[in-house]
Amino acid sequence: MKAIAVVITIVMIILAFAGGSPGASAASVSLSVTVVGADSSDPRWRAVEEAVAFWNQQLTEAGVDVRLGPITRLVQPVPDDALSRISTALVGRYRFEPEVPEGLRQIPGDIVVALSTAELISFGVAWRPERSGLVGLRRADIPPLSLPNVPRNLVAHELGHVLGLKHNSDPATLMCGRPAPCRPSLFASEKDQFFPLTSLDIGTLQAQWRSIAR
């Protein structure tokens, strides 16, 4: 039996998708974000909002003509088995770009963020003009997502992949990851903070989105 979907549209168009960044202007490219999960009290909802605001500030400061938002919440189960298969296939295969699974394919949004209840490795699949970006997040009630400061950075990391960024090997930065030994637990902190981008990340975003925004 299909779950009853409760759609709550969050007003995230604050300051023209600038994520609260003063003086920011509207971008010519905006990517709507739909978050899907079965538990309306899940802390990952908030983490997505924080990560979107972070990215909009970074994109504004970098002069990149794209913003994320608005965000829509869709309360319904996600296809955990399909997300787990994608997660397994993606490990170590950086050129592999899977299709959005059947259970999420009809959901509107340029980026779909699925709040899985499985112990998968979280992942992000790049947005393309012909295909939605996809983020799959592992369950939040056990480490590493249960650790303080990890959820916001993990979501921001996966959204970085959606925007076209790859892993690096610097554990002090947001996009550190495989094959480097960086893992989400490194984001843990009693202080609310986002790990920074590298100059290479910023250059990659500027180059990639310049042509798309024209």
C-alpha atoms as a PDB file:
ATOM      1  CA  MET A   1       0.000   0.000   0.000  1.00  0.00           C
ATOM      2  CA  LYS A   2       1.388   3.361  -0.954  1.00  0.00           C
ATOM      3  CA  ALA A   3       2.154   5.686   1.883  1.00  0.00           C
ATOM      4  CA  ILE A   4       0.216   8.921   2.073  1.00  0.00           C
ATOM      5  CA  ALA A   5       2.561  11.626   0.887  1.00  0.00           C
ATOM      6  CA  VAL A   6       2.494  14.828   2.889  1.00  0.00           C
ATOM      7  CA  VAL A   7       4.152  17.569   0.929  1.00  0.00           C
ATOM      8  CA  ILE A   8       5.346  20.573   2.885  1.00  0.00           C
ATOM      9  CA  THR A   9       6.903  23.257   0.728  1.00  0.00           C
ATOM     10  CA  ILE A  10       9.524  25.150   2.717  1.00  0.00           C
ATOM     11  CA  VAL A  11       9.999  28.774   1.861  1.00  0.00           C
ATOM     12  CA  MET A  12      13.718  28.738   1.082  1.00  0.00           C
ATOM     13  CA  ILE A  13      13.757  31.522  -1.484  1.00  0.00           C
ATOM     14  CA  ILE A  14      15.155  33.840   1.180  1.00  0.00           C
ATOM     15  CA  LEU A  15      17.269  36.571  -0.358  1.00  0.00           C
ATOM     16  CA  ALA A  16      16.830  35.120  -3.856  1.00  0.00           C
ATOM     17  CA  PHE A  17      18.161  31.654  -3.013  1.00  0.00           C
ATOM     18  CA  ALA A  18      21.193  33.171  -1.312  1.00  0.00           C
ATOM     19  CA  GLY A  19      20.877  31.060   1.808  1.00  0.00           C
ATOM     20  CA  GLY A  20      20.668  34.165   3.991  1.00  0.00           C
ATOM     21  CA  SER A  21      23.737  35.794   2.496  1.00  0.00           C
ATOM     22  CA  PRO A  22      23.329  39.578   2.610  1.00  0.00           C
ATOM     23  CA  GLY A  23      23.592  41.459  -0.654  1.00  0.00           C
ATOM     24  CA  ALA A  24      23.315  38.368  -2.832  1.00  0.00           C
ATOM     25  CA  SER A  25      21.422  38.531  -6.110  1.00  0.00           C
ATOM     26  CA  ALA A  26      19.285  35.981  -7.903  1.00  0.00           C
ATOM     27  CA  ALA A  27      21.069  33.486 -10.131  1.00  0.00           C
ATOM     28  CA  SER A  28      20.116  32.587 -13.675  1.00  0.00           C
ATOM     29  CA  VAL A  29      20.179  28.860 -12.763  1.00  0.00           C
ATOM     30  CA  SER A  30      18.281  27.550  -9.750  1.00  0.00           C
ATOM     31  CA  LEU A  31      18.067  23.862  -8.867  1.00  0.00           C
ATOM     32  CA  SER A  32      15.030  22.885  -6.818  1.00  0.00           C
ATOM     33  CA  VAL A  33      15.616  20.354  -4.044  1.00  0.00           C
ATOM     34  CA  THR A  34      13.109  17.698  -2.985  1.00  0.00           C
ATOM     35  CA  VAL A  35      13.858  15.837   0.246  1.00  0.00           C
ATOM     36  CA  VAL A  36      12.123  12.464   0.675  1.00  0.00           C
ATOM     37  CA  GLY A  37      11.908  10.501   3.911  1.00  0.00           C
ATOM     38  CA  ALA A  38       9.421   8.557   6.009  1.00  0.00           C
ATOM     39  CA  ASP A  39      10.040  10.241   9.378  1.00  0.00           C
ATOM     40  CA  SER A  40       9.016  13.887   9.666  1.00  0.00           C
ATOM     41  CA  SER A  41      11.147  14.254  12.838  1.00  0.00           C
ATOM     42  CA  ASP A  42      14.346  13.031  11.159  1.00  0.00           C
ATOM     43  CA  PRO A  43      17.275  15.392  11.948  1.00  0.00           C
ATOM     44  CA  ARG A  44      18.490  15.076   8.357  1.00  0.00           C
ATOM     45  CA  TRP A  45      15.691  17.395   7.184  1.00  0.00           C
ATOM     46  CA  ARG A  46      17.379  20.204   9.087  1.00  0.00           C
ATOM     47  CA  ALA A  47      20.823  19.150   7.865  1.00  0.00           C
ATOM     48  CA  VAL A  48      19.670  19.517   4.258  1.00  0.00           C
ATOM     49  CA  GLU A  49      18.380  23.039   4.932  1.00  0.00           C
ATOM     50  CA  GLU A  50      21.694  23.997   6.546  1.00  0.00           C
ATOM     51  CA  ALA A  51      23.719  22.484   3.712  1.00  0.00           C
ATOM     52  CA  VAL A  52      21.663  24.267   1.053  1.00  0.00           C
ATOM     53  CA  ALA A  53      22.175  27.591   2.848  1.00  0.00           C
ATOM     54  CA  PHE A  54      25.911  26.855   3.066  1.00  0.00           C
ATOM     55  CA  TRP A  55      26.138  26.124  -0.642  1.00  0.00           C
ATOM     56  CA  ASN A  56      24.204  29.207  -1.643  1.00  0.00           C
ATOM     57  CA  GLN A  57      26.594  31.344   0.379  1.00  0.00           C
ATOM     58  CA  GLN A  58      29.630  29.628  -1.167  1.00  0.00           C
ATOM     59  CA  LEU A  59      28.263  29.957  -4.691  1.00  0.00           C
ATOM     60  CA  THR A  60      27.457  33.619  -4.136  1.00  0.00           C
ATOM     61  CA  GLU A  61      30.931  34.387  -2.809  1.00  0.00           C
ATOM     62  CA  ALA A  62      32.550  32.484  -5.686  1.00  0.00           C
ATOM     63  CA  GLY A  63      30.503  34.365  -8.274  1.00  0.00           C
ATOM     64  CA  VAL A  64      28.984  31.120  -9.541  1.00  0.00           C
ATOM     65  CA  ASP A  65      25.636  31.792 -11.226  1.00  0.00           C
ATOM     66  CA  VAL A  66      23.625  28.934  -9.709  1.00  0.00           C
ATOM     67  CA  ARG A  67      21.622  28.551  -6.501  1.00  0.00           C
ATOM     68  CA  LEU A  68      19.953  25.644  -4.735  1.00  0.00           C
ATOM     69  CA  GLY A  69      16.303  25.862  -3.793  1.00  0.00           C
ATOM     70  CA  PRO A  70      13.509  26.075  -3.064  1.00  0.00           C
ATOM     71  CA  ILE A  71      13.341  22.976  -0.856  1.00  0.00           C
ATOM     72  CA  THR A  72      10.285  20.728  -0.755  1.00  0.00           C
ATOM     73  CA  ARG A  73       9.707  18.031   1.870  1.00  0.00           C
ATOM     74  CA  LEU A  74       7.972  14.842   0.786  1.00  0.00           C
ATOM     75  CA  VAL A  75       7.100  12.531   3.675  1.00  0.00           C
ATOM     76  CA  GLN A  76       7.016   8.976   2.352  1.00  0.00           C
ATOM     77  CA  PRO A  77       9.237   5.875   2.381  1.00  0.00           C
ATOM     78  CA  VAL A  78      12.239   5.692   0.059  1.00  0.00           C
ATOM     79  CA  PRO A  79      13.449   2.634  -1.936  1.00  0.00           C
ATOM     80  CA  ASP A  80      16.212   1.520   0.440  1.00  0.00           C
ATOM     81  CA  ASP A  81      17.170  -1.561  -1.571  1.00  0.00           C
ATOM     82  CA  ALA A  82      17.691   0.444  -4.765  1.00  0.00           C
ATOM     83  CA  LEU A  83      19.666   3.119  -2.912  1.00  0.00           C
ATOM     84  CA  SER A  84      21.867   0.459  -1.303  1.00  0.00           C
ATOM     85  CA  ARG A  85      22.624  -1.054  -4.720  1.00  0.00           C
ATOM     86  CA  ILE A  86      23.592   2.356  -6.096  1.00  0.00           C
ATOM     87  CA  SER A  87      25.779   3.017  -3.060  1.00  0.00           C
ATOM     88  CA  THR A  88      27.598  -0.294  -3.466  1.00  0.00           C
ATOM     89  CA  ALA A  89      28.090   0.247  -7.197  1.00  0.00           C
ATOM     90  CA  LEU A  90      29.477   3.743  -6.686  1.00  0.00           C
ATOM     91  CA  VAL A  91      32.247   2.798  -4.254  1.00  0.00           C
ATOM     92  CA  GLY A  92      35.498   3.119  -6.159  1.00  0.00           C
ATOM     93  CA  ARG A  93      33.753   3.807  -9.488  1.00  0.00           C
ATOM     94  CA  TYR A  94      33.941   7.552 -10.001  1.00  0.00           C
ATOM     95  CA  ARG A  95      32.798   7.489 -13.622  1.00  0.00           C
ATOM     96  CA  PHE A  96      29.657   5.502 -12.844  1.00  0.00           C
ATOM     97  CA  GLU A  97      26.514   7.657 -12.910  1.00  0.00           C
ATOM     98  CA  PRO A  98      23.390   5.630 -12.122  1.00  0.00           C
ATOM     99  CA  GLU A  99      19.862   6.550 -13.022  1.00  0.00           C
ATOM    100  CA  VAL A 100      17.451   7.754 -10.349  1.00  0.00           C
ATOM    101  CA  PRO A 101      15.746   4.590  -9.012  1.00  0.00           C
ATOM    102  CA  GLU A 102      12.181   3.821 -10.034  1.00  0.00           C
ATOM    103  CA  GLY A 103      10.771   4.656  -6.594  1.00  0.00           C
ATOM    104  CA  LEU A 104      12.072   8.220  -6.863  1.00  0.00           C
ATOM    105  CA  ARG A 105      11.931   8.849 -10.608  1.00  0.00           C
ATOM    106  CA  GLN A 106       8.518  10.516 -10.636  1.00  0.00           C
ATOM    107  CA  ILE A 107       9.345  12.893  -7.794  1.00  0.00           C
ATOM    108  CA  PRO A 108       9.654  16.491  -9.006  1.00  0.00           C
ATOM    109  CA  GLY A 109      12.831  18.413  -8.340  1.00  0.00           C
ATOM    110  CA  ASP A 110      16.201  19.062  -9.945  1.00  0.00           C
ATOM    111  CA  ILE A 111      17.891  17.387  -6.976  1.00  0.00           C
ATOM    112  CA  VAL A 112      16.329  14.533  -4.991  1.00  0.00           C
ATOM    113  CA  VAL A 113      17.680  13.872  -1.490  1.00  0.00           C
ATOM    114  CA  ALA A 114      16.620  10.474  -0.140  1.00  0.00           C
ATOM    115  CA  LEU A 115      16.726   9.875   3.626  1.00  0.00           C
ATOM    116  CA  SER A 116      17.452   6.168   3.705  1.00  0.00           C
ATOM    117  CA  THR A 117      16.965   3.911   6.738  1.00  0.00           C
ATOM    118  CA  ALA A 118      19.700   1.565   5.491  1.00  0.00           C
ATOM    119  CA  GLU A 119      23.367   1.434   6.551  1.00  0.00           C
ATOM    120  CA  LEU A 120      24.587   2.347   3.088  1.00  0.00           C
ATOM    121  CA  ILE A 121      27.524   4.585   2.229  1.00  0.00           C
ATOM    122  CA  SER A 122      26.065   8.019   1.542  1.00  0.00           C
ATOM    123  CA  PHE A 123      26.484   9.218  -2.022  1.00  0.00           C
ATOM    124  CA  GLY A 124      25.823  12.077  -4.412  1.00  0.00           C
ATOM    125  CA  VAL A 125      25.253  11.816  -8.165  1.00  0.00           C
ATOM    126  CA  ALA A 126      25.880  14.872 -10.340  1.00  0.00           C
ATOM    127  CA  TRP A 127      22.995  16.888 -11.764  1.00  0.00           C
ATOM    128  CA  ARG A 128      22.733  16.983 -15.537  1.00  0.00           C
ATOM    129  CA  PRO A 129      20.346  19.049 -17.691  1.00  0.00           C
ATOM    130  CA  GLU A 130      18.693  15.797 -18.770  1.00  0.00           C
ATOM    131  CA  ARG A 131      18.677  14.120 -15.326  1.00  0.00           C
ATOM    132  CA  SER A 132      18.025  14.988 -11.707  1.00  0.00           C
ATOM    133  CA  GLY A 133      20.884  15.016  -9.242  1.00  0.00           C
ATOM    134  CA  LEU A 134      20.551  12.381  -6.523  1.00  0.00           C
ATOM    135  CA  VAL A 135      21.751  12.211  -2.924  1.00  0.00           C
ATOM    136  CA  GLY A 136      21.337   9.071  -0.818  1.00  0.00           C
ATOM    137  CA  LEU A 137      21.922   9.495   2.921  1.00  0.00           C
ATOM    138  CA  ARG A 138      22.486   6.604   5.300  1.00  0.00           C
ATOM    139  CA  ARG A 139      20.447   6.159   8.490  1.00  0.00           C
ATOM    140  CA  ALA A 140      20.896   8.933  11.042  1.00  0.00           C
ATOM    141  CA  ASP A 141      20.416   7.164  14.394  1.00  0.00           C
ATOM    142  CA  ILE A 142      23.891   5.573  14.536  1.00  0.00           C
ATOM    143  CA  PRO A 143      27.419   6.874  13.852  1.00  0.00           C
ATOM    144  CA  PRO A 144      28.606   8.652  11.864  1.00  0.00           C
ATOM    145  CA  LEU A 145      25.413  10.676  11.280  1.00  0.00           C
ATOM    146  CA  SER A 146      24.483  10.586  14.959  1.00  0.00           C
ATOM    147  CA  LEU A 147      27.717  12.455  15.792  1.00  0.00           C
ATOM    148  CA  PRO A 148      27.488  16.247  16.278  1.00  0.00           C
ATOM    149  CA  ASN A 149      28.246  18.425  13.249  1.00  0.00           C
ATOM    150  CA  VAL A 150      28.473  15.417  10.913  1.00  0.00           C
ATOM    151  CA  PRO A 151      25.017  15.566   9.228  1.00  0.00           C
ATOM    152  CA  ARG A 152      25.313  19.135   7.900  1.00  0.00           C
ATOM    153  CA  ASN A 153      28.790  18.483   6.500  1.00  0.00           C
ATOM    154  CA  LEU A 154      27.914  15.087   5.078  1.00  0.00           C
ATOM    155  CA  VAL A 155      24.927  16.534   3.226  1.00  0.00           C
ATOM    156  CA  ALA A 156      27.045  19.470   2.010  1.00  0.00           C
ATOM    157  CA  HIS A 157      29.704  17.008   0.832  1.00  0.00           C
ATOM    158  CA  GLU A 158      27.206  14.983  -1.188  1.00  0.00           C
ATOM    159  CA  LEU A 159      25.651  18.139  -2.644  1.00  0.00           C
ATOM    160  CA  GLY A 160      29.183  19.035  -3.723  1.00  0.00           C
ATOM    161  CA  HIS A 161      29.161  15.892  -5.855  1.00  0.00           C
ATOM    162  CA  VAL A 162      25.771  16.901  -7.250  1.00  0.00           C
ATOM    163  CA  LEU A 163      27.333  20.211  -8.294  1.00  0.00           C
ATOM    164  CA  GLY A 164      30.206  18.412 -10.002  1.00  0.00           C
ATOM    165  CA  LEU A 165      32.986  18.236  -7.406  1.00  0.00           C
ATOM    166  CA  LYS A 166      35.228  15.208  -6.856  1.00  0.00           C
ATOM    167  CA  HIS A 167      37.033  13.941  -3.769  1.00  0.00           C
ATOM    168  CA  ASN A 168      40.353  15.271  -2.564  1.00  0.00           C
ATOM    169  CA  SER A 169      42.802  13.968   0.053  1.00  0.00           C
ATOM    170  CA  ASP A 170      42.842  16.901   2.509  1.00  0.00           C
ATOM    171  CA  PRO A 171      41.039  15.907   5.744  1.00  0.00           C
ATOM    172  CA  ALA A 172      40.606  19.569   6.713  1.00  0.00           C
ATOM    173  CA  THR A 173      38.310  20.221   3.725  1.00  0.00           C
ATOM    174  CA  LEU A 174      34.712  19.410   2.842  1.00  0.00           C
ATOM    175  CA  MET A 175      35.325  17.202  -0.192  1.00  0.00           C
ATOM    176  CA  CYS A 176      37.913  14.826   1.255  1.00  0.00           C
ATOM    177  CA  GLY A 177      36.978  11.212   0.562  1.00  0.00           C
ATOM    178  CA  ARG A 178      37.838   7.884  -1.058  1.00  0.00           C
ATOM    179  CA  PRO A 179      40.426   6.703  -1.962  1.00  0.00           C
ATOM    180  CA  ALA A 180      41.860   8.942   0.794  1.00  0.00           C
ATOM    181  CA  PRO A 181      41.136   7.619   4.305  1.00  0.00           C
ATOM    182  CA  CYS A 182      38.754  10.515   5.072  1.00  0.00           C
ATOM    183  CA  ARG A 183      35.409   9.366   6.438  1.00  0.00           C
ATOM    184  CA  PRO A 184      32.332  11.291   7.697  1.00  0.00           C
ATOM    185  CA  SER A 185      33.325  10.868  11.355  1.00  0.00           C
ATOM    186  CA  LEU A 186      36.109  13.406  10.749  1.00  0.00           C
ATOM    187  CA  PHE A 187      33.394  16.085  10.514  1.00  0.00           C
ATOM    188  CA  ALA A 188      32.443  15.483  14.164  1.00  0.00           C
ATOM    189  CA  SER A 189      32.690  18.590  16.357  1.00  0.00           C
ATOM    190  CA  GLU A 190      30.919  20.119  19.333  1.00  0.00           C
ATOM    191  CA  LYS A 191      30.993  23.383  17.382  1.00  0.00           C
ATOM    192  CA  ASP A 192      28.516  23.947  14.543  1.00  0.00           C
ATOM    193  CA  GLN A 193      30.705  24.527  11.512  1.00  0.00           C
ATOM    194  CA  PHE A 194      31.149  23.642   7.878  1.00  0.00           C
ATOM    195  CA  PHE A 195      34.438  22.400   6.517  1.00  0.00           C
ATOM    196  CA  PRO A 196      35.834  24.648   3.764  1.00  0.00           C
ATOM    197  CA  LEU A 197      36.154  24.220   0.021  1.00  0.00           C
ATOM    198  CA  THR A 198      39.558  24.286  -1.665  1.00  0.00           C
ATOM    199  CA  SER A 199      40.619  26.820  -4.285  1.00  0.00           C
ATOM    200  CA  LEU A 200      40.483  23.958  -6.789  1.00  0.00           C
ATOM    201  CA  ASP A 201      36.854  23.259  -5.809  1.00  0.00           C
ATOM    202  CA  ILE A 202      35.950  26.892  -6.390  1.00  0.00           C
ATOM    203  CA  GLY A 203      37.734  26.951  -9.736  1.00  0.00           C
ATOM    204  CA  THR A 204      35.958  23.773 -10.811  1.00  0.00           C
ATOM    205  CA  LEU A 205      32.553  25.239  -9.930  1.00  0.00           C
ATOM    206  CA  GLN A 206      33.300  28.493 -11.748  1.00  0.00           C
ATOM    207  CA  ALA A 207      34.427  26.691 -14.880  1.00  0.00           C
ATOM    208  CA  GLN A 208      31.647  24.108 -14.935  1.00  0.00           C
ATOM    209  CA  TRP A 209      28.692  26.398 -14.252  1.00  0.00           C
ATOM    210  CA  ARG A 210      29.857  29.292 -16.392  1.00  0.00           C
ATOM    211  CA  SER A 211      28.833  27.478 -19.573  1.00  0.00           C
ATOM    212  CA  ILE A 212      25.584  26.102 -18.114  1.00  0.00           C
ATOM    213  CA  ALA A 213      24.434  29.487 -16.824  1.00  0.00           C
ATOM    214  CA  ARG A 214      24.830  31.183 -20.205  1.00  0.00           C
END
